[in-house]
Amino acid sequence: MIGLPANTRVWIAAGHTDMRKGFDGLAALVQTALADNPFCGHVFVFRGRRGDIVKVLWFDGQGLMLLAKRLERGRFVWPQAHEGRVALTPAQLSMLLEGIDWRMPMRTHEGPHAPALAA
């Protein structure tokens, strides 16, 4: 994923989106369904009906950028809401794009400050 500038907001469009939409169709959806400006510098993420395709729309200051990803196995984890938007952190966006459940990530180890287990 391309590094996002500091303070960039990431928004998931709840529900599913027609993945035939391109730059203009998704920008119009940002304006109508999300009541936002697609040229504001925020990142907008859309998922198809089957859940295996996402598209990411972002204005980088020079033009709109459109990223599409299809998972060969599994589905992208999406909020239960059917309309509106959900805020993510850039770290959660990275997890989402990797096919990881961004809602409840789990650490793989306890770390150096974890209490010792009794023997």
N, C-alpha and C. Protein backbone atom coordinates (compact mmCIF):
# COMPACT_ATOMS: atom_id res chain seq x y z
N MET A 1 0.84 -1.18 0.00
CA MET A 1 0.00 0.00 0.00
C MET A 1 0.88 1.23 0.00
N ILE A 2 0.45 2.25 -0.66
CA ILE A 2 1.17 3.51 -0.73
C ILE A 2 1.06 4.21 0.62
N GLY A 3 2.15 4.77 1.10
CA GLY A 3 2.13 5.48 2.38
C GLY A 3 1.23 6.71 2.30
N LEU A 4 0.36 6.84 3.26
CA LEU A 4 -0.58 7.97 3.30
C LEU A 4 0.01 9.10 4.12
N PRO A 5 -0.25 10.34 3.75
CA PRO A 5 0.21 11.47 4.56
C PRO A 5 -0.41 11.42 5.96
N ALA A 6 0.28 12.03 6.92
CA ALA A 6 -0.26 12.10 8.28
C ALA A 6 -1.62 12.77 8.27
N ASN A 7 -2.47 12.34 9.17
CA ASN A 7 -3.83 12.88 9.34
C ASN A 7 -4.78 12.56 8.20
N THR A 8 -4.43 11.60 7.35
CA THR A 8 -5.35 11.17 6.30
C THR A 8 -6.43 10.30 6.92
N ARG A 9 -7.67 10.63 6.67
CA ARG A 9 -8.80 9.85 7.18
C ARG A 9 -9.12 8.73 6.20
N VAL A 10 -9.50 7.57 6.73
CA VAL A 10 -9.87 6.42 5.92
C VAL A 10 -11.32 6.09 6.23
N TRP A 11 -12.14 5.99 5.20
CA TRP A 11 -13.56 5.70 5.36
C TRP A 11 -13.95 4.48 4.56
N ILE A 12 -14.66 3.55 5.21
CA ILE A 12 -15.26 2.41 4.52
C ILE A 12 -16.70 2.78 4.19
N ALA A 13 -17.10 2.57 2.96
CA ALA A 13 -18.50 2.74 2.58
C ALA A 13 -19.24 1.47 2.98
N ALA A 14 -20.14 1.59 3.96
CA ALA A 14 -20.88 0.42 4.45
C ALA A 14 -21.74 -0.17 3.33
N GLY A 15 -22.07 -1.43 3.46
CA GLY A 15 -22.86 -2.11 2.44
C GLY A 15 -21.99 -2.54 1.29
N HIS A 16 -22.61 -2.86 0.16
CA HIS A 16 -21.83 -3.28 -1.01
C HIS A 16 -22.00 -2.27 -2.14
N THR A 17 -21.03 -2.28 -3.03
CA THR A 17 -20.95 -1.33 -4.14
C THR A 17 -20.83 -2.10 -5.44
N ASP A 18 -21.40 -1.57 -6.48
CA ASP A 18 -21.27 -2.13 -7.83
C ASP A 18 -19.81 -1.95 -8.26
N MET A 19 -19.08 -3.03 -8.38
CA MET A 19 -17.66 -2.97 -8.71
C MET A 19 -17.38 -2.61 -10.17
N ARG A 20 -18.43 -2.39 -10.95
CA ARG A 20 -18.22 -1.90 -12.32
C ARG A 20 -17.93 -0.41 -12.31
N LYS A 21 -18.17 0.27 -11.19
CA LYS A 21 -17.93 1.71 -11.10
C LYS A 21 -16.43 1.99 -11.15
N GLY A 22 -16.10 3.08 -11.81
CA GLY A 22 -14.72 3.52 -11.90
C GLY A 22 -14.54 4.83 -11.14
N PHE A 23 -13.58 5.64 -11.58
CA PHE A 23 -13.27 6.91 -10.93
C PHE A 23 -14.52 7.77 -10.72
N ASP A 24 -15.22 8.06 -11.80
CA ASP A 24 -16.35 8.99 -11.73
C ASP A 24 -17.52 8.42 -10.94
N GLY A 25 -17.84 7.15 -11.14
CA GLY A 25 -18.95 6.54 -10.42
C GLY A 25 -18.70 6.47 -8.92
N LEU A 26 -17.48 6.13 -8.52
CA LEU A 26 -17.16 6.07 -7.10
C LEU A 26 -17.09 7.47 -6.49
N ALA A 27 -16.57 8.44 -7.24
CA ALA A 27 -16.54 9.82 -6.75
C ALA A 27 -17.95 10.34 -6.54
N ALA A 28 -18.87 10.01 -7.44
CA ALA A 28 -20.27 10.41 -7.28
C ALA A 28 -20.88 9.74 -6.06
N LEU A 29 -20.51 8.49 -5.82
CA LEU A 29 -21.02 7.78 -4.65
C LEU A 29 -20.51 8.42 -3.35
N VAL A 30 -19.28 8.86 -3.35
CA VAL A 30 -18.74 9.57 -2.17
C VAL A 30 -19.58 10.82 -1.91
N GLN A 31 -19.93 11.55 -2.97
CA GLN A 31 -20.71 12.78 -2.80
C GLN A 31 -22.14 12.50 -2.35
N THR A 32 -22.79 11.52 -2.94
CA THR A 32 -24.20 11.29 -2.65
C THR A 32 -24.42 10.42 -1.42
N ALA A 33 -23.84 9.23 -1.39
CA ALA A 33 -24.10 8.28 -0.30
C ALA A 33 -23.33 8.63 0.98
N LEU A 34 -22.12 9.16 0.84
CA LEU A 34 -21.30 9.45 2.02
C LEU A 34 -21.30 10.93 2.38
N ALA A 35 -21.92 11.77 1.55
CA ALA A 35 -21.99 13.22 1.79
C ALA A 35 -20.62 13.81 2.07
N ASP A 36 -19.65 13.47 1.24
CA ASP A 36 -18.29 13.97 1.40
C ASP A 36 -17.74 14.40 0.05
N ASN A 37 -16.60 15.06 0.07
CA ASN A 37 -15.94 15.53 -1.13
C ASN A 37 -14.86 14.54 -1.53
N PRO A 38 -14.96 13.90 -2.69
CA PRO A 38 -13.96 12.91 -3.08
C PRO A 38 -12.57 13.50 -3.32
N PHE A 39 -12.47 14.83 -3.39
CA PHE A 39 -11.19 15.50 -3.64
C PHE A 39 -10.60 16.11 -2.36
N CYS A 40 -11.08 15.67 -1.20
CA CYS A 40 -10.64 16.25 0.08
C CYS A 40 -9.36 15.62 0.61
N GLY A 41 -8.90 14.53 0.01
CA GLY A 41 -7.68 13.87 0.48
C GLY A 41 -7.95 12.68 1.38
N HIS A 42 -9.20 12.41 1.72
CA HIS A 42 -9.54 11.23 2.49
C HIS A 42 -9.50 10.01 1.58
N VAL A 43 -9.37 8.83 2.17
CA VAL A 43 -9.36 7.57 1.44
C VAL A 43 -10.74 6.94 1.62
N PHE A 44 -11.34 6.48 0.51
CA PHE A 44 -12.66 5.86 0.55
C PHE A 44 -12.54 4.43 0.02
N VAL A 45 -13.08 3.47 0.79
CA VAL A 45 -12.94 2.05 0.46
C VAL A 45 -14.32 1.46 0.21
N PHE A 46 -14.46 0.70 -0.89
CA PHE A 46 -15.73 0.11 -1.31
C PHE A 46 -15.53 -1.39 -1.50
N ARG A 47 -16.57 -2.17 -1.17
CA ARG A 47 -16.50 -3.62 -1.34
C ARG A 47 -17.63 -4.10 -2.23
N GLY A 48 -17.33 -5.11 -3.06
CA GLY A 48 -18.34 -5.71 -3.93
C GLY A 48 -19.28 -6.62 -3.15
N ARG A 49 -20.34 -7.06 -3.81
CA ARG A 49 -21.37 -7.88 -3.18
C ARG A 49 -20.81 -9.20 -2.64
N ARG A 50 -19.95 -9.87 -3.40
CA ARG A 50 -19.41 -11.17 -2.96
C ARG A 50 -18.39 -11.03 -1.83
N GLY A 51 -17.80 -9.85 -1.70
CA GLY A 51 -16.86 -9.62 -0.62
C GLY A 51 -15.42 -9.95 -0.94
N ASP A 52 -15.14 -10.35 -2.17
CA ASP A 52 -13.76 -10.70 -2.51
C ASP A 52 -13.02 -9.58 -3.27
N ILE A 53 -13.71 -8.47 -3.55
CA ILE A 53 -13.11 -7.35 -4.27
C ILE A 53 -13.34 -6.06 -3.48
N VAL A 54 -12.28 -5.25 -3.36
CA VAL A 54 -12.40 -3.90 -2.83
C VAL A 54 -11.79 -2.92 -3.82
N LYS A 55 -12.30 -1.70 -3.78
CA LYS A 55 -11.71 -0.60 -4.52
C LYS A 55 -11.46 0.54 -3.54
N VAL A 56 -10.30 1.19 -3.71
CA VAL A 56 -9.90 2.29 -2.85
C VAL A 56 -9.75 3.53 -3.72
N LEU A 57 -10.44 4.59 -3.34
CA LEU A 57 -10.40 5.86 -4.08
C LEU A 57 -9.72 6.91 -3.20
N TRP A 58 -8.72 7.61 -3.77
CA TRP A 58 -7.97 8.60 -3.00
C TRP A 58 -7.50 9.72 -3.92
N PHE A 59 -7.70 10.94 -3.49
CA PHE A 59 -7.17 12.11 -4.21
C PHE A 59 -5.86 12.50 -3.52
N ASP A 60 -4.75 12.42 -4.25
CA ASP A 60 -3.43 12.67 -3.67
C ASP A 60 -2.96 14.11 -3.83
N GLY A 61 -3.83 14.99 -4.28
CA GLY A 61 -3.46 16.39 -4.48
C GLY A 61 -3.23 16.71 -5.95
N GLN A 62 -2.98 15.69 -6.77
CA GLN A 62 -2.77 15.88 -8.20
C GLN A 62 -3.86 15.24 -9.03
N GLY A 63 -4.44 14.17 -8.52
CA GLY A 63 -5.48 13.47 -9.26
C GLY A 63 -6.03 12.33 -8.43
N LEU A 64 -7.13 11.77 -8.91
CA LEU A 64 -7.72 10.62 -8.22
C LEU A 64 -6.91 9.36 -8.50
N MET A 65 -6.75 8.56 -7.48
CA MET A 65 -6.06 7.28 -7.60
C MET A 65 -7.09 6.19 -7.27
N LEU A 66 -7.11 5.14 -8.07
CA LEU A 66 -8.04 4.04 -7.85
C LEU A 66 -7.25 2.75 -7.76
N LEU A 67 -7.38 2.08 -6.62
CA LEU A 67 -6.71 0.80 -6.38
C LEU A 67 -7.78 -0.26 -6.26
N ALA A 68 -7.59 -1.38 -6.93
CA ALA A 68 -8.53 -2.50 -6.83
C ALA A 68 -7.76 -3.73 -6.38
N LYS A 69 -8.39 -4.52 -5.51
CA LYS A 69 -7.77 -5.77 -5.07
C LYS A 69 -8.83 -6.86 -5.00
N ARG A 70 -8.47 -8.03 -5.53
CA ARG A 70 -9.33 -9.21 -5.46
C ARG A 70 -8.59 -10.29 -4.70
N LEU A 71 -9.24 -10.83 -3.67
CA LEU A 71 -8.65 -11.94 -2.93
C LEU A 71 -8.92 -13.24 -3.69
N GLU A 72 -7.92 -14.06 -3.82
CA GLU A 72 -8.09 -15.35 -4.47
C GLU A 72 -8.77 -16.34 -3.54
N ARG A 73 -8.57 -16.17 -2.22
CA ARG A 73 -9.25 -16.99 -1.21
C ARG A 73 -9.71 -16.08 -0.09
N GLY A 74 -10.88 -16.35 0.45
CA GLY A 74 -11.39 -15.58 1.57
C GLY A 74 -12.18 -14.36 1.13
N ARG A 75 -12.59 -13.59 2.11
CA ARG A 75 -13.40 -12.39 1.89
C ARG A 75 -12.85 -11.25 2.73
N PHE A 76 -13.07 -10.02 2.28
CA PHE A 76 -12.70 -8.85 3.05
C PHE A 76 -13.70 -8.68 4.19
N VAL A 77 -13.20 -8.41 5.39
CA VAL A 77 -14.06 -8.21 6.55
C VAL A 77 -14.67 -6.81 6.45
N TRP A 78 -16.00 -6.76 6.60
CA TRP A 78 -16.74 -5.52 6.40
C TRP A 78 -17.67 -5.26 7.58
N PRO A 79 -17.96 -4.00 7.87
CA PRO A 79 -18.90 -3.71 8.97
C PRO A 79 -20.30 -4.23 8.66
N GLN A 80 -21.09 -4.46 9.70
CA GLN A 80 -22.44 -4.99 9.54
C GLN A 80 -23.42 -3.94 9.01
N ALA A 81 -23.10 -2.66 9.14
CA ALA A 81 -24.00 -1.59 8.68
C ALA A 81 -24.26 -1.71 7.18
N HIS A 82 -25.45 -1.31 6.75
CA HIS A 82 -25.82 -1.39 5.34
C HIS A 82 -25.71 -0.05 4.61
N GLU A 83 -25.55 1.03 5.36
CA GLU A 83 -25.38 2.34 4.73
C GLU A 83 -24.52 3.21 5.63
N GLY A 84 -24.06 4.31 5.09
CA GLY A 84 -23.18 5.20 5.84
C GLY A 84 -21.72 4.82 5.66
N ARG A 85 -20.93 5.24 6.63
CA ARG A 85 -19.49 4.96 6.54
C ARG A 85 -18.93 4.66 7.92
N VAL A 86 -17.78 4.00 7.91
CA VAL A 86 -17.09 3.61 9.12
C VAL A 86 -15.65 4.08 8.99
N ALA A 87 -15.12 4.71 10.05
CA ALA A 87 -13.75 5.21 10.04
C ALA A 87 -12.77 4.09 10.37
N LEU A 88 -11.64 4.08 9.68
CA LEU A 88 -10.54 3.15 9.96
C LEU A 88 -9.26 3.95 10.15
N THR A 89 -8.30 3.35 10.83
CA THR A 89 -6.96 3.93 10.88
C THR A 89 -6.20 3.42 9.66
N PRO A 90 -5.11 4.08 9.28
CA PRO A 90 -4.30 3.54 8.19
C PRO A 90 -3.81 2.12 8.48
N ALA A 91 -3.52 1.80 9.75
CA ALA A 91 -3.10 0.44 10.10
C ALA A 91 -4.22 -0.56 9.86
N GLN A 92 -5.45 -0.19 10.21
CA GLN A 92 -6.59 -1.07 9.97
C GLN A 92 -6.82 -1.26 8.48
N LEU A 93 -6.61 -0.20 7.68
CA LEU A 93 -6.72 -0.32 6.23
C LEU A 93 -5.70 -1.33 5.70
N SER A 94 -4.49 -1.28 6.20
CA SER A 94 -3.47 -2.24 5.77
C SER A 94 -3.89 -3.67 6.10
N MET A 95 -4.44 -3.87 7.30
CA MET A 95 -4.92 -5.20 7.67
C MET A 95 -6.05 -5.64 6.76
N LEU A 96 -7.00 -4.75 6.51
CA LEU A 96 -8.13 -5.08 5.64
C LEU A 96 -7.63 -5.53 4.27
N LEU A 97 -6.68 -4.78 3.70
CA LEU A 97 -6.18 -5.11 2.37
C LEU A 97 -5.40 -6.43 2.35
N GLU A 98 -4.90 -6.86 3.52
CA GLU A 98 -4.21 -8.14 3.62
C GLU A 98 -5.17 -9.29 3.89
N GLY A 99 -6.46 -8.99 4.04
CA GLY A 99 -7.44 -10.02 4.33
C GLY A 99 -7.51 -10.38 5.80
N ILE A 100 -6.99 -9.51 6.67
CA ILE A 100 -6.99 -9.74 8.12
C ILE A 100 -8.23 -9.08 8.72
N ASP A 101 -8.79 -9.69 9.75
CA ASP A 101 -9.93 -9.09 10.45
C ASP A 101 -9.45 -7.88 11.23
N TRP A 102 -9.65 -6.70 10.69
CA TRP A 102 -9.17 -5.44 11.27
C TRP A 102 -9.95 -5.04 12.51
N ARG A 103 -11.13 -5.66 12.75
CA ARG A 103 -11.97 -5.25 13.88
C ARG A 103 -11.42 -5.71 15.21
N MET A 104 -10.72 -6.86 15.23
CA MET A 104 -10.22 -7.41 16.48
C MET A 104 -8.89 -8.11 16.24
N PRO A 105 -7.86 -7.36 15.83
CA PRO A 105 -6.56 -8.01 15.62
C PRO A 105 -5.99 -8.52 16.94
N MET A 106 -5.31 -9.62 16.87
CA MET A 106 -4.75 -10.24 18.07
C MET A 106 -3.23 -10.29 17.93
N ARG A 107 -2.55 -9.97 19.01
CA ARG A 107 -1.09 -10.08 19.02
C ARG A 107 -0.71 -11.56 19.04
N THR A 108 0.43 -11.87 18.42
CA THR A 108 0.86 -13.27 18.35
C THR A 108 1.68 -13.68 19.56
N HIS A 109 2.07 -12.71 20.38
CA HIS A 109 2.82 -13.03 21.59
C HIS A 109 2.42 -12.04 22.69
N GLU A 110 2.79 -12.37 23.90
CA GLU A 110 2.42 -11.55 25.05
C GLU A 110 3.34 -10.34 25.22
N GLY A 111 4.54 -10.38 24.69
CA GLY A 111 5.46 -9.26 24.83
C GLY A 111 6.30 -9.36 26.09
N PRO A 112 7.30 -8.48 26.23
CA PRO A 112 8.24 -8.57 27.35
C PRO A 112 7.61 -8.14 28.68
N HIS A 113 6.52 -7.41 28.67
CA HIS A 113 5.94 -6.90 29.91
C HIS A 113 4.74 -7.73 30.37
N ALA A 114 4.52 -8.86 29.76
CA ALA A 114 3.40 -9.72 30.15
C ALA A 114 3.74 -10.45 31.44
N PRO A 115 2.75 -10.69 32.27
CA PRO A 115 3.03 -11.43 33.53
C PRO A 115 3.48 -12.86 33.21
N ALA A 116 4.40 -13.34 34.01
CA ALA A 116 4.92 -14.70 33.83
C ALA A 116 3.86 -15.70 34.26
N LEU A 117 3.79 -16.81 33.54
CA LEU A 117 2.87 -17.87 33.90
C LEU A 117 3.43 -18.68 35.06
N ALA A 118 2.57 -19.05 35.98
CA ALA A 118 3.02 -19.85 37.12
C ALA A 118 3.33 -21.27 36.64
N ALA A 119 4.39 -21.84 37.17
CA ALA A 119 4.80 -23.17 36.76
C ALA A 119 4.15 -24.24 37.60
